[in-house]
Amino acid sequence: MANTPGARKRSRQSEKRRQHNSALRSKLRTALQSARKAIAAGDKAVADTVVRNAVSVADRIADKNIVHKNTVARYKSKLAAKLKALATA
């Protein structure tokens, strides 16, 4: 346990930040999952809208350094490839 007032404050701040970051990561995962489901459903118009939303969420979270930018780039690339495959099919 933290002994000094400064250490106690840092502990409170760290916990608050951890919970906030966890919520943002969860929001990212939910957006990616909904995009994958929309692509699997097969409706290109709906899938395009949902994928755009997921990419937007991913970019915002990458800008805040919650998830590494290359990880987000990989997610976006996979979604784009699946969406392109849906369009050609």
N, C-alpha and C. Protein backbone atom coordinates (compact mmCIF):
# COMPACT_ATOMS: atom_id res chain seq x y z
N MET A 1 0.85 -1.19 0.00
CA MET A 1 0.00 0.00 0.00
C MET A 1 0.88 1.24 0.00
N ALA A 2 0.41 2.28 -0.67
CA ALA A 2 1.15 3.53 -0.76
C ALA A 2 1.19 4.22 0.61
N ASN A 3 2.34 4.80 0.94
CA ASN A 3 2.51 5.41 2.25
C ASN A 3 2.43 6.93 2.21
N THR A 4 2.95 7.54 1.19
CA THR A 4 2.95 9.00 1.14
C THR A 4 1.68 9.50 0.45
N PRO A 5 1.29 10.74 0.76
CA PRO A 5 0.10 11.29 0.10
C PRO A 5 0.22 11.31 -1.43
N GLY A 6 1.42 11.60 -1.92
CA GLY A 6 1.63 11.62 -3.37
C GLY A 6 1.46 10.25 -3.99
N ALA A 7 1.95 9.23 -3.29
CA ALA A 7 1.83 7.86 -3.79
C ALA A 7 0.37 7.40 -3.76
N ARG A 8 -0.37 7.83 -2.73
CA ARG A 8 -1.79 7.47 -2.67
C ARG A 8 -2.54 8.10 -3.84
N LYS A 9 -2.21 9.36 -4.13
CA LYS A 9 -2.86 10.04 -5.23
C LYS A 9 -2.53 9.36 -6.55
N ARG A 10 -1.27 9.00 -6.77
CA ARG A 10 -0.88 8.32 -8.00
C ARG A 10 -1.62 6.99 -8.14
N SER A 11 -1.82 6.32 -7.01
CA SER A 11 -2.55 5.05 -7.03
C SER A 11 -4.00 5.28 -7.47
N ARG A 12 -4.62 6.32 -6.95
CA ARG A 12 -5.99 6.65 -7.36
C ARG A 12 -6.05 7.00 -8.84
N GLN A 13 -5.09 7.80 -9.29
CA GLN A 13 -5.07 8.21 -10.69
C GLN A 13 -4.85 7.01 -11.61
N SER A 14 -3.96 6.13 -11.21
CA SER A 14 -3.67 4.96 -12.04
C SER A 14 -4.90 4.07 -12.18
N GLU A 15 -5.62 3.88 -11.09
CA GLU A 15 -6.82 3.04 -11.13
C GLU A 15 -7.89 3.66 -12.02
N LYS A 16 -8.06 4.96 -11.90
CA LYS A 16 -9.06 5.66 -12.71
C LYS A 16 -8.69 5.56 -14.19
N ARG A 17 -7.41 5.76 -14.50
CA ARG A 17 -6.92 5.69 -15.88
C ARG A 17 -7.07 4.27 -16.43
N ARG A 18 -6.77 3.27 -15.59
CA ARG A 18 -6.89 1.87 -16.01
C ARG A 18 -8.34 1.55 -16.39
N GLN A 19 -9.29 2.00 -15.58
CA GLN A 19 -10.69 1.73 -15.88
C GLN A 19 -11.13 2.44 -17.16
N HIS A 20 -10.67 3.67 -17.35
CA HIS A 20 -11.04 4.42 -18.55
C HIS A 20 -10.47 3.75 -19.80
N ASN A 21 -9.20 3.36 -19.74
CA ASN A 21 -8.57 2.70 -20.88
C ASN A 21 -9.23 1.37 -21.19
N SER A 22 -9.61 0.65 -20.14
CA SER A 22 -10.29 -0.63 -20.32
C SER A 22 -11.63 -0.45 -21.02
N ALA A 23 -12.34 0.60 -20.67
CA ALA A 23 -13.63 0.89 -21.30
C ALA A 23 -13.43 1.22 -22.78
N LEU A 24 -12.38 1.98 -23.10
CA LEU A 24 -12.12 2.33 -24.50
C LEU A 24 -11.74 1.09 -25.31
N ARG A 25 -10.92 0.20 -24.73
CA ARG A 25 -10.55 -1.04 -25.42
C ARG A 25 -11.78 -1.88 -25.69
N SER A 26 -12.69 -1.92 -24.72
CA SER A 26 -13.93 -2.68 -24.88
C SER A 26 -14.77 -2.09 -26.00
N LYS A 27 -14.82 -0.77 -26.08
CA LYS A 27 -15.57 -0.10 -27.15
C LYS A 27 -14.99 -0.46 -28.51
N LEU A 28 -13.66 -0.53 -28.60
CA LEU A 28 -12.99 -0.90 -29.84
C LEU A 28 -13.37 -2.33 -30.22
N ARG A 29 -13.28 -3.25 -29.28
CA ARG A 29 -13.60 -4.65 -29.56
C ARG A 29 -15.04 -4.82 -30.01
N THR A 30 -15.95 -4.08 -29.37
CA THR A 30 -17.36 -4.14 -29.74
C THR A 30 -17.58 -3.63 -31.16
N ALA A 31 -16.91 -2.53 -31.50
CA ALA A 31 -17.05 -1.96 -32.85
C ALA A 31 -16.51 -2.93 -33.90
N LEU A 32 -15.38 -3.58 -33.61
CA LEU A 32 -14.80 -4.54 -34.56
C LEU A 32 -15.72 -5.75 -34.71
N GLN A 33 -16.27 -6.20 -33.61
CA GLN A 33 -17.15 -7.37 -33.66
C GLN A 33 -18.42 -7.06 -34.46
N SER A 34 -18.99 -5.87 -34.26
CA SER A 34 -20.20 -5.52 -35.01
C SER A 34 -19.88 -5.38 -36.50
N ALA A 35 -18.68 -4.90 -36.82
CA ALA A 35 -18.28 -4.78 -38.24
C ALA A 35 -18.15 -6.17 -38.86
N ARG A 36 -17.53 -7.10 -38.14
CA ARG A 36 -17.39 -8.47 -38.67
C ARG A 36 -18.75 -9.12 -38.87
N LYS A 37 -19.68 -8.89 -37.95
CA LYS A 37 -21.02 -9.46 -38.08
C LYS A 37 -21.76 -8.86 -39.27
N ALA A 38 -21.60 -7.57 -39.47
CA ALA A 38 -22.27 -6.91 -40.59
C ALA A 38 -21.73 -7.44 -41.91
N ILE A 39 -20.43 -7.69 -41.98
CA ILE A 39 -19.84 -8.24 -43.21
C ILE A 39 -20.35 -9.66 -43.43
N ALA A 40 -20.43 -10.44 -42.35
CA ALA A 40 -20.90 -11.82 -42.46
C ALA A 40 -22.36 -11.89 -42.89
N ALA A 41 -23.14 -10.86 -42.53
CA ALA A 41 -24.55 -10.83 -42.91
C ALA A 41 -24.72 -10.69 -44.42
N GLY A 42 -23.76 -10.02 -45.07
CA GLY A 42 -23.78 -9.97 -46.52
C GLY A 42 -24.36 -8.73 -47.16
N ASP A 43 -24.93 -7.81 -46.37
CA ASP A 43 -25.50 -6.59 -46.94
C ASP A 43 -24.39 -5.54 -47.05
N LYS A 44 -23.99 -5.24 -48.28
CA LYS A 44 -22.84 -4.36 -48.50
C LYS A 44 -23.06 -2.95 -47.97
N ALA A 45 -24.23 -2.38 -48.15
CA ALA A 45 -24.49 -1.00 -47.73
C ALA A 45 -24.39 -0.86 -46.21
N VAL A 46 -25.00 -1.79 -45.51
CA VAL A 46 -24.95 -1.76 -44.04
C VAL A 46 -23.53 -2.03 -43.56
N ALA A 47 -22.89 -3.00 -44.16
CA ALA A 47 -21.52 -3.36 -43.76
C ALA A 47 -20.57 -2.19 -43.96
N ASP A 48 -20.74 -1.47 -45.06
CA ASP A 48 -19.87 -0.32 -45.33
C ASP A 48 -20.01 0.73 -44.25
N THR A 49 -21.23 1.02 -43.83
CA THR A 49 -21.48 2.01 -42.79
C THR A 49 -20.88 1.56 -41.45
N VAL A 50 -21.09 0.31 -41.10
CA VAL A 50 -20.61 -0.20 -39.81
C VAL A 50 -19.08 -0.26 -39.80
N VAL A 51 -18.48 -0.63 -40.92
CA VAL A 51 -17.01 -0.69 -41.00
C VAL A 51 -16.43 0.72 -40.88
N ARG A 52 -17.05 1.70 -41.52
CA ARG A 52 -16.58 3.08 -41.38
C ARG A 52 -16.61 3.53 -39.93
N ASN A 53 -17.68 3.18 -39.23
CA ASN A 53 -17.80 3.53 -37.81
C ASN A 53 -16.70 2.84 -37.00
N ALA A 54 -16.45 1.57 -37.27
CA ALA A 54 -15.42 0.82 -36.54
C ALA A 54 -14.04 1.41 -36.80
N VAL A 55 -13.77 1.79 -38.03
CA VAL A 55 -12.48 2.40 -38.36
C VAL A 55 -12.31 3.73 -37.63
N SER A 56 -13.38 4.49 -37.55
CA SER A 56 -13.35 5.77 -36.84
C SER A 56 -13.03 5.57 -35.36
N VAL A 57 -13.71 4.62 -34.74
CA VAL A 57 -13.46 4.31 -33.33
C VAL A 57 -12.02 3.85 -33.14
N ALA A 58 -11.55 2.98 -34.02
CA ALA A 58 -10.19 2.46 -33.92
C ALA A 58 -9.16 3.58 -34.04
N ASP A 59 -9.36 4.49 -34.98
CA ASP A 59 -8.42 5.59 -35.15
C ASP A 59 -8.38 6.50 -33.92
N ARG A 60 -9.55 6.78 -33.35
CA ARG A 60 -9.58 7.64 -32.15
C ARG A 60 -8.84 6.99 -30.99
N ILE A 61 -8.99 5.68 -30.84
CA ILE A 61 -8.34 4.97 -29.74
C ILE A 61 -6.84 4.86 -29.98
N ALA A 62 -6.44 4.73 -31.23
CA ALA A 62 -5.01 4.69 -31.55
C ALA A 62 -4.36 6.05 -31.28
N ASP A 63 -5.09 7.12 -31.58
CA ASP A 63 -4.55 8.47 -31.33
C ASP A 63 -4.29 8.71 -29.85
N LYS A 64 -5.06 8.06 -29.00
CA LYS A 64 -4.89 8.22 -27.55
C LYS A 64 -3.88 7.24 -26.97
N ASN A 65 -3.25 6.45 -27.84
CA ASN A 65 -2.25 5.46 -27.43
C ASN A 65 -2.81 4.41 -26.47
N ILE A 66 -4.09 4.10 -26.59
CA ILE A 66 -4.69 3.04 -25.80
C ILE A 66 -4.29 1.70 -26.43
N VAL A 67 -4.29 1.66 -27.75
CA VAL A 67 -3.86 0.50 -28.52
C VAL A 67 -2.83 1.01 -29.52
N HIS A 68 -1.81 0.23 -29.80
CA HIS A 68 -0.75 0.66 -30.69
C HIS A 68 -1.29 0.91 -32.09
N LYS A 69 -0.74 1.92 -32.75
CA LYS A 69 -1.23 2.31 -34.07
C LYS A 69 -1.09 1.21 -35.10
N ASN A 70 -0.05 0.37 -35.00
CA ASN A 70 0.12 -0.71 -35.96
C ASN A 70 -0.92 -1.81 -35.74
N THR A 71 -1.33 -2.01 -34.51
CA THR A 71 -2.39 -2.98 -34.21
C THR A 71 -3.69 -2.51 -34.87
N VAL A 72 -3.98 -1.24 -34.73
CA VAL A 72 -5.19 -0.68 -35.33
C VAL A 72 -5.10 -0.76 -36.86
N ALA A 73 -3.91 -0.51 -37.41
CA ALA A 73 -3.74 -0.60 -38.86
C ALA A 73 -4.02 -2.02 -39.34
N ARG A 74 -3.60 -3.00 -38.56
CA ARG A 74 -3.85 -4.40 -38.91
C ARG A 74 -5.35 -4.70 -38.88
N TYR A 75 -6.04 -4.22 -37.85
CA TYR A 75 -7.49 -4.42 -37.76
C TYR A 75 -8.20 -3.80 -38.96
N LYS A 76 -7.81 -2.58 -39.29
CA LYS A 76 -8.45 -1.86 -40.41
C LYS A 76 -8.19 -2.58 -41.73
N SER A 77 -6.98 -3.08 -41.90
CA SER A 77 -6.63 -3.78 -43.13
C SER A 77 -7.47 -5.05 -43.30
N LYS A 78 -7.64 -5.79 -42.23
CA LYS A 78 -8.44 -7.02 -42.29
C LYS A 78 -9.89 -6.71 -42.62
N LEU A 79 -10.43 -5.66 -41.99
CA LEU A 79 -11.82 -5.28 -42.27
C LEU A 79 -11.98 -4.84 -43.72
N ALA A 80 -11.03 -4.07 -44.21
CA ALA A 80 -11.10 -3.60 -45.60
C ALA A 80 -11.05 -4.77 -46.57
N ALA A 81 -10.19 -5.74 -46.28
CA ALA A 81 -10.08 -6.90 -47.16
C ALA A 81 -11.37 -7.71 -47.17
N LYS A 82 -11.98 -7.88 -46.00
CA LYS A 82 -13.24 -8.63 -45.92
C LYS A 82 -14.36 -7.88 -46.63
N LEU A 83 -14.36 -6.55 -46.49
CA LEU A 83 -15.39 -5.76 -47.14
C LEU A 83 -15.22 -5.80 -48.66
N LYS A 84 -13.98 -5.79 -49.13
CA LYS A 84 -13.71 -5.86 -50.56
C LYS A 84 -14.14 -7.22 -51.11
N ALA A 85 -13.87 -8.28 -50.34
CA ALA A 85 -14.26 -9.63 -50.76
C ALA A 85 -15.79 -9.73 -50.85
N LEU A 86 -16.48 -9.05 -49.93
CA LEU A 86 -17.94 -9.05 -49.95
C LEU A 86 -18.46 -8.34 -51.20
N ALA A 87 -17.79 -7.27 -51.59
CA ALA A 87 -18.22 -6.50 -52.76
C ALA A 87 -18.03 -7.28 -54.04
N THR A 88 -16.95 -8.06 -54.13
CA THR A 88 -16.68 -8.81 -55.36
C THR A 88 -17.51 -10.09 -55.44
N ALA A 89 -17.95 -10.58 -54.29
CA ALA A 89 -18.71 -11.84 -54.27
C ALA A 89 -20.13 -11.67 -54.75
